[in-house]
Amino acid sequence: MKAVKLPHDQRVYVNVMESLVTQEVGKQIKETPPRIRRYLRMEEVVT
């Protein structure tokens, strides 16, 4: 894969930990029983 150099003002910042946390929370919520899951909101758990 060839790296593309963009000007500083056009770079997109991606926090890897945010992505990993979102993936893990999604996995954990899927494994949570439905009676508990209905009280959980993905956005609140991730933050």
C-alpha atoms as a PDB file:
ATOM      1  CA  MET A   1       0.000   0.000   0.000  1.00  0.00           C
ATOM      2  CA  LYS A   2       1.384   3.391  -0.972  1.00  0.00           C
ATOM      3  CA  ALA A   3       1.250   6.184   1.600  1.00  0.00           C
ATOM      4  CA  VAL A   4      -0.465   9.379   0.515  1.00  0.00           C
ATOM      5  CA  LYS A   5       0.881  12.638   1.874  1.00  0.00           C
ATOM      6  CA  LEU A   6      -1.811  15.215   2.488  1.00  0.00           C
ATOM      7  CA  PRO A   7      -1.393  18.810   3.586  1.00  0.00           C
ATOM      8  CA  HIS A   8      -1.743  19.216   7.347  1.00  0.00           C
ATOM      9  CA  ASP A   9      -5.182  20.855   7.116  1.00  0.00           C
ATOM     10  CA  GLN A  10      -6.605  17.928   5.076  1.00  0.00           C
ATOM     11  CA  ARG A  11      -5.509  15.089   7.367  1.00  0.00           C
ATOM     12  CA  VAL A  12      -8.133  13.105   9.198  1.00  0.00           C
ATOM     13  CA  TYR A  13      -7.381  12.259  12.811  1.00  0.00           C
ATOM     14  CA  VAL A  14      -8.495   8.807  13.908  1.00  0.00           C
ATOM     15  CA  ASN A  15      -8.105   7.819  17.536  1.00  0.00           C
ATOM     16  CA  VAL A  16      -7.414   4.077  17.472  1.00  0.00           C
ATOM     17  CA  MET A  17      -8.543   3.567  21.058  1.00  0.00           C
ATOM     18  CA  GLU A  18     -11.967   5.064  20.310  1.00  0.00           C
ATOM     19  CA  SER A  19     -12.417   2.575  17.486  1.00  0.00           C
ATOM     20  CA  LEU A  20     -11.319  -0.353  19.656  1.00  0.00           C
ATOM     21  CA  VAL A  21     -13.572   0.673  22.543  1.00  0.00           C
ATOM     22  CA  THR A  22     -16.573   1.004  20.215  1.00  0.00           C
ATOM     23  CA  GLN A  23     -15.945  -2.456  18.775  1.00  0.00           C
ATOM     24  CA  GLU A  24     -15.571  -4.051  22.204  1.00  0.00           C
ATOM     25  CA  VAL A  25     -18.660  -2.348  23.635  1.00  0.00           C
ATOM     26  CA  GLY A  26     -20.674  -3.523  20.624  1.00  0.00           C
ATOM     27  CA  LYS A  27     -19.492  -7.080  21.191  1.00  0.00           C
ATOM     28  CA  GLN A  28     -20.282  -6.946  24.910  1.00  0.00           C
ATOM     29  CA  ILE A  29     -23.749  -5.448  24.365  1.00  0.00           C
ATOM     30  CA  LYS A  30     -24.621  -8.233  21.904  1.00  0.00           C
ATOM     31  CA  GLU A  31     -23.730 -10.806  24.576  1.00  0.00           C
ATOM     32  CA  THR A  32     -25.815  -9.039  27.244  1.00  0.00           C
ATOM     33  CA  PRO A  33     -29.265 -10.530  27.987  1.00  0.00           C
ATOM     34  CA  PRO A  34     -32.116  -8.685  26.192  1.00  0.00           C
ATOM     35  CA  ARG A  35     -33.823  -7.706  29.461  1.00  0.00           C
ATOM     36  CA  ILE A  36     -30.701  -5.758  30.469  1.00  0.00           C
ATOM     37  CA  ARG A  37     -29.703  -4.627  26.972  1.00  0.00           C
ATOM     38  CA  ARG A  38     -32.849  -2.541  26.533  1.00  0.00           C
ATOM     39  CA  TYR A  39     -31.621  -0.215  29.297  1.00  0.00           C
ATOM     40  CA  LEU A  40     -28.178   0.294  27.730  1.00  0.00           C
ATOM     41  CA  ARG A  41     -27.373   2.959  25.166  1.00  0.00           C
ATOM     42  CA  MET A  42     -24.245   2.437  23.111  1.00  0.00           C
ATOM     43  CA  GLU A  43     -23.304   6.137  23.181  1.00  0.00           C
ATOM     44  CA  GLU A  44     -23.476   6.295  26.964  1.00  0.00           C
ATOM     45  CA  VAL A  45     -21.482   3.124  27.524  1.00  0.00           C
ATOM     46  CA  VAL A  46     -18.723   4.142  25.120  1.00  0.00           C
ATOM     47  CA  THR A  47     -18.260   7.547  26.726  1.00  0.00           C
END
